[in-house]
Protein backbone atom coordinates (compact mmCIF):
# COMPACT_ATOMS: atom_id res chain seq x y z
CA UNK A 1 12.78 -2.47 -19.80
CA UNK A 2 15.28 -4.82 -18.13
CA UNK A 3 14.41 -6.22 -14.76
CA UNK A 4 16.53 -4.82 -11.94
CA UNK A 5 17.88 -7.24 -9.30
CA UNK A 6 16.68 -6.14 -5.88
CA UNK A 7 18.68 -7.02 -2.80
CA UNK A 8 16.20 -7.87 -0.09
CA UNK A 9 16.64 -6.74 3.50
CA UNK A 10 15.68 -9.10 6.32
CA UNK A 11 12.34 -8.60 8.05
CA UNK A 12 12.82 -6.89 11.41
CA UNK A 13 9.51 -8.01 12.88
CA UNK A 14 9.40 -11.82 12.85
CA UNK A 15 6.44 -11.84 15.26
CA UNK A 16 4.14 -10.35 12.63
CA UNK A 17 2.05 -13.00 10.89
CA UNK A 18 -0.42 -12.86 8.03
CA UNK A 19 -3.63 -14.87 8.11
CA UNK A 20 -3.37 -16.06 4.48
CA UNK A 21 -0.69 -16.77 1.90
CA UNK A 22 -2.10 -14.38 -0.71
CA UNK A 23 0.71 -12.83 -2.76
CA UNK A 24 1.60 -9.25 -1.86
CA UNK A 25 1.00 -8.23 -5.47
CA UNK A 26 -2.62 -9.43 -5.16
CA UNK A 27 -3.05 -7.47 -1.92
CA UNK A 28 -1.67 -4.36 -3.64
CA UNK A 29 -3.95 -4.72 -6.66
CA UNK A 30 -6.97 -5.08 -4.38
CA UNK A 31 -5.84 -2.11 -2.26
CA UNK A 32 -5.53 0.09 -5.36
CA UNK A 33 -8.98 -1.05 -6.55
CA UNK A 34 -10.44 -0.08 -3.17
CA UNK A 35 -8.73 3.32 -3.25
CA UNK A 36 -9.89 4.04 -6.78
CA UNK A 37 -13.46 3.00 -5.94
CA UNK A 38 -13.60 5.85 -3.42
CA UNK A 39 -11.78 8.36 -5.63
CA UNK A 40 -8.57 8.39 -3.62
CA UNK A 41 -5.92 10.67 -5.10
CA UNK A 42 -2.17 10.65 -5.69
CA UNK A 43 -1.82 6.89 -5.45
CA UNK A 44 1.79 5.72 -5.27
CA UNK A 45 3.23 2.23 -4.92
CA UNK A 46 6.69 1.99 -3.36
CA UNK A 47 8.84 -1.15 -3.51
CA UNK A 48 10.41 -1.15 -0.04
CA UNK A 49 12.28 -4.46 -0.25
CA UNK A 50 15.72 -2.93 -0.80
CA UNK A 51 15.35 0.07 1.51
CA UNK A 52 13.46 -1.16 4.57
CA UNK A 53 12.74 -4.35 6.46
CA UNK A 54 9.37 -2.95 7.57
CA UNK A 55 7.37 -4.23 4.60
CA UNK A 56 7.85 -5.23 0.97
CA UNK A 57 5.45 -2.63 -0.40
CA UNK A 58 3.87 0.67 0.59
CA UNK A 59 0.68 1.92 -1.05
CA UNK A 60 0.09 5.63 -0.44
CA UNK A 61 -2.92 7.77 -1.28
CA UNK A 62 -4.66 10.98 -0.28
CA UNK A 63 -8.25 11.57 0.77
CA UNK A 64 -9.61 15.12 0.81
CA UNK A 65 -11.91 14.81 3.84
CA UNK A 66 -12.35 12.70 6.97
CA UNK A 67 -15.36 11.02 5.39
CA UNK A 68 -13.42 10.12 2.25
CA UNK A 69 -10.43 8.85 4.26
CA UNK A 70 -12.74 6.56 6.25
CA UNK A 71 -14.43 5.39 3.05
CA UNK A 72 -11.04 4.61 1.47
CA UNK A 73 -9.91 2.74 4.60
CA UNK A 74 -13.11 0.67 4.62
CA UNK A 75 -12.95 0.02 0.87
CA UNK A 76 -9.34 -1.21 1.07
CA UNK A 77 -10.15 -3.53 3.98
CA UNK A 78 -13.30 -4.83 2.26
CA UNK A 79 -11.61 -5.31 -1.11
CA UNK A 80 -8.72 -7.27 0.38
CA UNK A 81 -10.96 -9.30 2.68
CA UNK A 82 -13.35 -10.20 -0.15
CA UNK A 83 -10.52 -11.02 -2.55
CA UNK A 84 -8.21 -12.95 -0.23
CA UNK A 85 -9.84 -13.30 3.20
CA UNK A 86 -6.82 -11.37 4.57
CA UNK A 87 -7.29 -8.97 7.44
CA UNK A 88 -4.91 -6.22 8.56
CA UNK A 89 -2.41 -7.24 11.20
CA UNK A 90 -2.61 -3.72 12.65
CA UNK A 91 -4.55 -0.49 11.99
CA UNK A 92 -3.61 2.99 13.20
CA UNK A 93 -5.24 6.39 12.84
CA UNK A 94 -8.79 5.16 12.28
CA UNK A 95 -10.18 7.60 14.85
CA UNK A 96 -8.27 10.76 13.89
CA UNK A 97 -8.50 10.11 10.13
CA UNK A 98 -5.51 12.29 9.26
CA UNK A 99 -3.13 9.43 8.52
CA UNK A 100 -4.58 5.93 8.49
CA UNK A 101 -2.18 3.02 8.33
CA UNK A 102 -3.37 -0.48 7.38
CA UNK A 103 -0.56 -2.96 8.07
CA UNK A 104 -0.81 -6.23 6.15
CA UNK A 105 2.72 -7.28 7.24
CA UNK A 106 4.18 -7.49 3.70
CA UNK A 107 2.27 -4.41 2.54
CA UNK A 108 1.32 -1.22 4.36
CA UNK A 109 -1.40 1.08 3.04
CA UNK A 110 -1.13 4.74 4.06
CA UNK A 111 -4.19 6.97 3.62
CA UNK A 112 -3.36 10.62 4.29
CA UNK A 113 -5.16 13.93 4.37
CA UNK A 114 -3.32 16.48 2.17
CA UNK A 115 -1.58 18.23 5.08
CA UNK A 116 -0.16 15.05 6.65
CA UNK A 117 0.88 13.72 3.23
CA UNK A 118 2.84 16.90 2.53
CA UNK A 119 4.34 17.05 6.03
CA UNK A 120 5.59 13.44 6.21
CA UNK A 121 6.43 13.23 2.48
CA UNK A 122 7.16 9.50 2.47
CA UNK A 123 8.10 9.61 -1.21
CA UNK A 124 11.02 11.91 -0.34
CA UNK A 125 11.85 10.13 2.93
CA UNK A 126 12.09 6.77 1.14
CA UNK A 127 13.31 8.33 -2.12
CA UNK A 128 15.60 5.39 -2.93
CA UNK A 129 12.63 3.04 -3.24
CA UNK A 130 11.35 2.28 -6.76
CA UNK A 131 7.95 3.99 -7.16
CA UNK A 132 4.98 3.93 -9.48
CA UNK A 133 2.22 6.52 -9.63
CA UNK A 134 -1.32 5.47 -10.50
CA UNK A 135 -3.59 7.83 -12.42
CA UNK A 136 -6.45 9.09 -10.26
CA UNK A 137 -8.94 8.24 -13.00
CA UNK A 138 -7.61 4.75 -13.79
CA UNK A 139 -10.21 1.99 -14.03
CA UNK A 140 -8.05 -1.12 -13.84
CA UNK A 141 -4.45 0.08 -13.83
CA UNK A 142 -1.60 -2.08 -15.03
CA UNK A 143 0.80 -1.90 -12.11
CA UNK A 144 4.24 -2.39 -13.68
CA UNK A 145 6.05 -2.18 -10.34
CA UNK A 146 4.29 -5.34 -9.20
CA UNK A 147 5.89 -7.37 -12.01
CA UNK A 148 9.11 -7.31 -9.96
CA UNK A 149 7.27 -9.34 -7.32
CA UNK A 150 7.55 -12.91 -8.64
CA UNK A 151 4.62 -15.21 -9.37
CA UNK A 152 4.07 -15.80 -5.67
CA UNK A 153 4.10 -12.06 -5.10
CA UNK A 154 7.36 -11.68 -3.16
């Protein structure tokens, strides 16, 4: 499959800073591992570089209960922190647990309950973004979308 040239949009939030230089592809792999470890469902990676200056990558998933959403949120944070020493720049929704957002500047992880996922439908909203679905039962998925992020991850 030929590689598609992606025109990058400028970042709109220059004040956001990451604490490490870990490649975004590594952050995404660790996020997916954390999600899978807590049986998160409907995992989707979205390459946002050509459609939004918010972040380079979105990782979306669904949790079926408040307890599972919290467990996924904690597992993603722990997995990324243990693997890269990176911490989220911003976290939203950690008290309501209907839509949790973990902002790692270059990557944003969205953990939804089923109702919020259906209502906001980010896959449709950002339908022009290249996407990859991850099987719910994957052990160590090969994330083809991440190959478009060069060796340094961006």
